[in-house]
C-alpha atoms as a PDB file:
ATOM      1  CA  MET A   1       7.968 -26.592  -3.224  1.00  0.00           C
ATOM      2  CA  CYS A   2       9.301 -27.206   0.715  1.00  0.00           C
ATOM      3  CA  PHE A   3       8.779 -24.977   3.637  1.00  0.00           C
ATOM      4  CA  GLU A   4      11.888 -23.068   3.630  1.00  0.00           C
ATOM      5  CA  GLU A   5      11.915 -21.560  -0.326  1.00  0.00           C
ATOM      6  CA  MET A   6       7.566 -20.138   0.526  1.00  0.00           C
ATOM      7  CA  LYS A   7       9.302 -19.071   3.858  1.00  0.00           C
ATOM      8  CA  ILE A   8      12.050 -17.041   1.641  1.00  0.00           C
ATOM      9  CA  LEU A   9       9.194 -16.325  -1.100  1.00  0.00           C
ATOM     10  CA  LYS A  10       6.813 -14.677   1.567  1.00  0.00           C
ATOM     11  CA  GLU A  11       9.402 -13.006   3.857  1.00  0.00           C
ATOM     12  CA  HIS A  12      12.208 -11.658   1.537  1.00  0.00           C
ATOM     13  CA  ALA A  13      12.103  -8.966  -1.750  1.00  0.00           C
ATOM     14  CA  CYS A  14      12.303 -11.690  -4.199  1.00  0.00           C
ATOM     15  CA  HIS A  15      13.491 -10.257  -7.193  1.00  0.00           C
ATOM     16  CA  ALA A  16      12.915 -13.161  -9.865  1.00  0.00           C
ATOM     17  CA  ILE A  17      12.735 -16.651 -10.123  1.00  0.00           C
ATOM     18  CA  ALA A  18      14.796 -18.395 -13.168  1.00  0.00           C
ATOM     19  CA  PRO A  19      15.779 -21.978 -14.366  1.00  0.00           C
ATOM     20  CA  TYR A  20      19.267 -23.272 -13.536  1.00  0.00           C
ATOM     21  CA  TYR A  21      19.923 -26.193 -14.192  1.00  0.00           C
ATOM     22  CA  ASN A  22      22.861 -28.120 -12.777  1.00  0.00           C
ATOM     23  CA  GLY A  23      22.375 -32.306 -12.403  1.00  0.00           C
ATOM     24  CA  MET A  24      20.616 -30.931  -8.920  1.00  0.00           C
ATOM     25  CA  HIS A  25      18.564 -28.219  -8.661  1.00  0.00           C
ATOM     26  CA  SER A  26      16.038 -26.533 -11.611  1.00  0.00           C
ATOM     27  CA  SER A  27      15.960 -23.287 -10.504  1.00  0.00           C
ATOM     28  CA  ILE A  28      17.137 -20.172  -8.587  1.00  0.00           C
ATOM     29  CA  ILE A  29      14.856 -17.868  -6.333  1.00  0.00           C
ATOM     30  CA  TYR A  30      17.000 -14.073  -6.362  1.00  0.00           C
ATOM     31  CA  THR A  31      15.930 -12.187  -3.373  1.00  0.00           C
ATOM     32  CA  ASP A  32      17.618  -9.357  -1.274  1.00  0.00           C
ATOM     33  CA  GLN A  33      19.501 -11.976   0.694  1.00  0.00           C
ATOM     34  CA  GLY A  34      21.045 -13.298  -2.228  1.00  0.00           C
ATOM     35  CA  HIS A  35      20.363 -16.223  -4.052  1.00  0.00           C
ATOM     36  CA  VAL A  36      18.339 -19.949  -2.804  1.00  0.00           C
ATOM     37  CA  PHE A  37      18.312 -22.463  -5.639  1.00  0.00           C
ATOM     38  CA  SER A  38      15.555 -24.503  -5.743  1.00  0.00           C
ATOM     39  CA  LYS A  39      14.702 -28.772  -7.084  1.00  0.00           C
ATOM     40  CA  GLU A  40      10.806 -27.545  -8.197  1.00  0.00           C
ATOM     41  CA  PRO A  41      11.115 -25.741 -11.672  1.00  0.00           C
ATOM     42  CA  VAL A  42       9.847 -22.257 -12.081  1.00  0.00           C
ATOM     43  CA  GLN A  43       6.584 -23.003 -13.066  1.00  0.00           C
ATOM     44  CA  LYS A  44       6.147 -25.178 -10.333  1.00  0.00           C
ATOM     45  CA  ILE A  45       7.403 -22.519  -7.929  1.00  0.00           C
ATOM     46  CA  ILE A  46       5.187 -19.726  -9.394  1.00  0.00           C
ATOM     47  CA  GLU A  47       2.057 -21.952  -8.994  1.00  0.00           C
ATOM     48  CA  ASN A  48       2.574 -22.818  -5.586  1.00  0.00           C
ATOM     49  CA  LEU A  49       2.713 -19.186  -4.859  1.00  0.00           C
ATOM     50  CA  CYS A  50      -0.349 -17.835  -6.712  1.00  0.00           C
ATOM     51  CA  LEU A  51      -1.830 -20.831  -3.947  1.00  0.00           C
ATOM     52  CA  GLU A  52      -0.106 -19.104  -0.939  1.00  0.00           C
ATOM     53  CA  TYR A  53      -2.216 -16.050  -1.725  1.00  0.00           C
ATOM     54  CA  GLY A  54      -5.549 -18.392  -2.325  1.00  0.00           C
ATOM     55  CA  SER A  55      -5.611 -18.642  -6.863  1.00  0.00           C
ATOM     56  CA  THR A  56      -4.577 -21.090  -8.666  1.00  0.00           C
ATOM     57  CA  LEU A  57      -1.404 -19.319 -11.366  1.00  0.00           C
ATOM     58  CA  LEU A  58      -4.146 -20.028 -14.316  1.00  0.00           C
ATOM     59  CA  GLY A  59      -6.619 -18.097 -12.624  1.00  0.00           C
ATOM     60  CA  ARG A  60      -4.899 -15.028 -11.840  1.00  0.00           C
ATOM     61  CA  LEU A  61      -2.934 -15.435 -15.466  1.00  0.00           C
ATOM     62  CA  HIS A  62      -7.295 -14.463 -16.429  1.00  0.00           C
ATOM     63  CA  ALA A  63      -8.196 -12.332 -14.382  1.00  0.00           C
ATOM     64  CA  SER A  64      -5.275 -10.249 -15.601  1.00  0.00           C
ATOM     65  CA  ARG A  65      -6.422 -11.115 -18.992  1.00  0.00           C
ATOM     66  CA  GLU A  66      -9.825  -9.636 -17.939  1.00  0.00           C
ATOM     67  CA  MET A  67      -8.948  -6.481 -16.451  1.00  0.00           C
ATOM     68  CA  LEU A  68      -6.177  -5.309 -18.905  1.00  0.00           C
ATOM     69  CA  GLY A  69      -7.858  -6.924 -22.556  1.00  0.00           C
ATOM     70  CA  TYR A  70      -3.657  -8.100 -22.814  1.00  0.00           C
ATOM     71  CA  ILE A  71      -3.908 -11.683 -24.397  1.00  0.00           C
ATOM     72  CA  LYS A  72      -0.342 -12.637 -24.155  1.00  0.00           C
ATOM     73  CA  ASN A  73       2.041 -12.987 -21.618  1.00  0.00           C
ATOM     74  CA  PRO A  74      -0.131 -10.402 -18.868  1.00  0.00           C
ATOM     75  CA  PRO A  75       1.467  -9.994 -15.694  1.00  0.00           C
ATOM     76  CA  ILE A  76      -0.062 -11.058 -12.743  1.00  0.00           C
ATOM     77  CA  LEU A  77      -1.301 -10.246  -9.508  1.00  0.00           C
ATOM     78  CA  ILE A  78       0.556 -12.558  -6.961  1.00  0.00           C
ATOM     79  CA  SER A  79      -0.667 -10.674  -3.394  1.00  0.00           C
ATOM     80  CA  GLU A  80      -3.167  -8.372  -2.956  1.00  0.00           C
ATOM     81  CA  SER A  81      -1.924  -7.504   0.587  1.00  0.00           C
ATOM     82  CA  LEU A  82       1.135  -6.882  -0.289  1.00  0.00           C
ATOM     83  CA  PRO A  83       0.692  -5.205  -3.360  1.00  0.00           C
ATOM     84  CA  ARG A  84       3.410  -7.589  -5.475  1.00  0.00           C
ATOM     85  CA  VAL A  85       3.079  -8.516  -9.302  1.00  0.00           C
ATOM     86  CA  ALA A  86       5.113 -11.209 -11.692  1.00  0.00           C
ATOM     87  CA  ILE A  87       5.594 -10.399 -15.064  1.00  0.00           C
ATOM     88  CA  GLN A  88       7.051 -13.066 -17.260  1.00  0.00           C
ATOM     89  CA  ALA A  89       9.712 -12.679 -19.515  1.00  0.00           C
ATOM     90  CA  PRO A  90      11.995 -15.950 -22.170  1.00  0.00           C
ATOM     91  CA  CYS A  91      15.328 -16.567 -20.745  1.00  0.00           C
ATOM     92  CA  TYR A  92      17.893 -15.698 -23.059  1.00  0.00           C
ATOM     93  CA  TYR A  93      19.870 -19.133 -22.931  1.00  0.00           C
ATOM     94  CA  THR A  94      16.914 -21.341 -22.129  1.00  0.00           C
ATOM     95  CA  LYS A  95      13.200 -21.868 -23.992  1.00  0.00           C
ATOM     96  CA  GLU A  96      11.786 -20.904 -20.288  1.00  0.00           C
ATOM     97  CA  THR A  97      10.423 -18.109 -18.419  1.00  0.00           C
ATOM     98  CA  ILE A  98      11.698 -16.081 -15.694  1.00  0.00           C
ATOM     99  CA  TRP A  99       8.864 -15.177 -13.590  1.00  0.00           C
ATOM    100  CA  ILE A 100      10.246 -11.000 -12.629  1.00  0.00           C
ATOM    101  CA  LEU A 101       8.408 -10.032  -9.156  1.00  0.00           C
ATOM    102  CA  ASP A 102      10.598  -7.020  -8.323  1.00  0.00           C
ATOM    103  CA  LEU A 103       9.698  -3.999 -10.848  1.00  0.00           C
ATOM    104  CA  ASN A 104      12.066  -1.514  -9.389  1.00  0.00           C
ATOM    105  CA  PHE A 105      15.047  -2.790 -12.470  1.00  0.00           C
ATOM    106  CA  LYS A 106      17.243  -1.774 -14.313  1.00  0.00           C
ATOM    107  CA  ILE A 107      17.139  -2.558 -18.767  1.00  0.00           C
ATOM    108  CA  LYS A 108      20.598  -2.569 -20.275  1.00  0.00           C
ATOM    109  CA  LYS A 109      20.373  -3.385 -24.190  1.00  0.00           C
ATOM    110  CA  CYS A 110      23.706  -6.303 -25.313  1.00  0.00           C
ATOM    111  CA  ASN A 111      24.239  -7.750 -28.632  1.00  0.00           C
ATOM    112  CA  SER A 112      21.497 -10.350 -28.806  1.00  0.00           C
ATOM    113  CA  PHE A 113      19.748  -9.949 -25.518  1.00  0.00           C
ATOM    114  CA  SER A 114      18.233  -7.585 -23.237  1.00  0.00           C
ATOM    115  CA  GLU A 115      19.747  -7.579 -19.231  1.00  0.00           C
ATOM    116  CA  ILE A 116      17.952  -6.446 -16.482  1.00  0.00           C
ATOM    117  CA  ILE A 117      19.473  -5.619 -13.294  1.00  0.00           C
ATOM    118  CA  PHE A 118      18.230  -5.118  -9.858  1.00  0.00           C
ATOM    119  CA  ASN A 119      21.545  -4.470  -8.382  1.00  0.00           C
ATOM    120  CA  PRO A 120      25.562  -4.685  -8.806  1.00  0.00           C
ATOM    121  CA  HIS A 121      24.929  -9.266  -8.298  1.00  0.00           C
ATOM    122  CA  VAL A 122      21.725  -9.899 -10.022  1.00  0.00           C
ATOM    123  CA  LYS A 123      21.645  -9.399 -13.931  1.00  0.00           C
ATOM    124  CA  LEU A 124      19.801 -11.406 -16.048  1.00  0.00           C
ATOM    125  CA  PRO A 125      19.728 -11.818 -19.761  1.00  0.00           C
ATOM    126  CA  ILE A 126      16.699 -11.857 -21.157  1.00  0.00           C
ATOM    127  CA  ASP A 127      14.813 -12.892 -24.660  1.00  0.00           C
ATOM    128  CA  LEU A 128      13.442  -9.451 -25.501  1.00  0.00           C
ATOM    129  CA  SER A 129      14.314  -6.027 -26.754  1.00  0.00           C
ATOM    130  CA  LEU A 130      14.364  -3.213 -24.485  1.00  0.00           C
ATOM    131  CA  GLU A 131      11.073  -1.404 -25.518  1.00  0.00           C
ATOM    132  CA  ALA A 132       9.814  -5.240 -24.641  1.00  0.00           C
ATOM    133  CA  ILE A 133      11.068  -5.022 -21.950  1.00  0.00           C
ATOM    134  CA  ARG A 134      10.115  -1.837 -20.345  1.00  0.00           C
ATOM    135  CA  GLN A 135       6.151  -2.272 -21.870  1.00  0.00           C
ATOM    136  CA  ARG A 136       5.688  -6.105 -19.907  1.00  0.00           C
ATOM    137  CA  LYS A 137       7.031  -3.331 -17.059  1.00  0.00           C
ATOM    138  CA  LEU A 138       4.237  -0.511 -17.575  1.00  0.00           C
ATOM    139  CA  LYS A 139       1.962  -3.550 -18.059  1.00  0.00           C
ATOM    140  CA  GLY A 140       2.624  -5.021 -14.323  1.00  0.00           C
ATOM    141  CA  PHE A 141       1.859  -1.163 -13.056  1.00  0.00           C
ATOM    142  CA  GLU A 142      -0.665  -1.162 -14.748  1.00  0.00           C
ATOM    143  CA  LEU A 143      -2.493  -3.492 -13.142  1.00  0.00           C
ATOM    144  CA  LEU A 144      -1.300  -2.622  -9.631  1.00  0.00           C
ATOM    145  CA  VAL A 145      -3.238   0.408 -10.235  1.00  0.00           C
ATOM    146  CA  LYS A 146      -6.208  -1.325 -11.109  1.00  0.00           C
ATOM    147  CA  PHE A 147      -6.474  -3.217  -8.909  1.00  0.00           C
ATOM    148  CA  MET A 148      -5.605  -0.541  -6.207  1.00  0.00           C
ATOM    149  CA  LEU A 149      -8.502   1.697  -7.493  1.00  0.00           C
END
């Protein structure tokens, strides 16, 4: 991952990291300042972000499973100092995962998918029911509370 992408992830309010394939790029990073395309896949970006804050993605997943007792798709704590949490959701248009780093979103039920909405310009389709994404959001808040106590 290039220095500029990591700087954007650390300095801006990042909403989500989603798959985005156009032959040149593999993912898209949505921030409060717009979006940035990356050549790195989503999984690699989230792994690098975890490493920037002193742990591996696998370590953070394991810690979340231990703290919360959730086995499948637990939220992860990205940064202890900022308190930032990320939750994962299946992307509607691919079999990959979207990582949601901003839990301040609205959820809308569409025909065969749900949509998470950060602002009028950032809407991401996910392959989860309304209730399932609400539960993941609550688990993210639960992880923050448990860690802060």
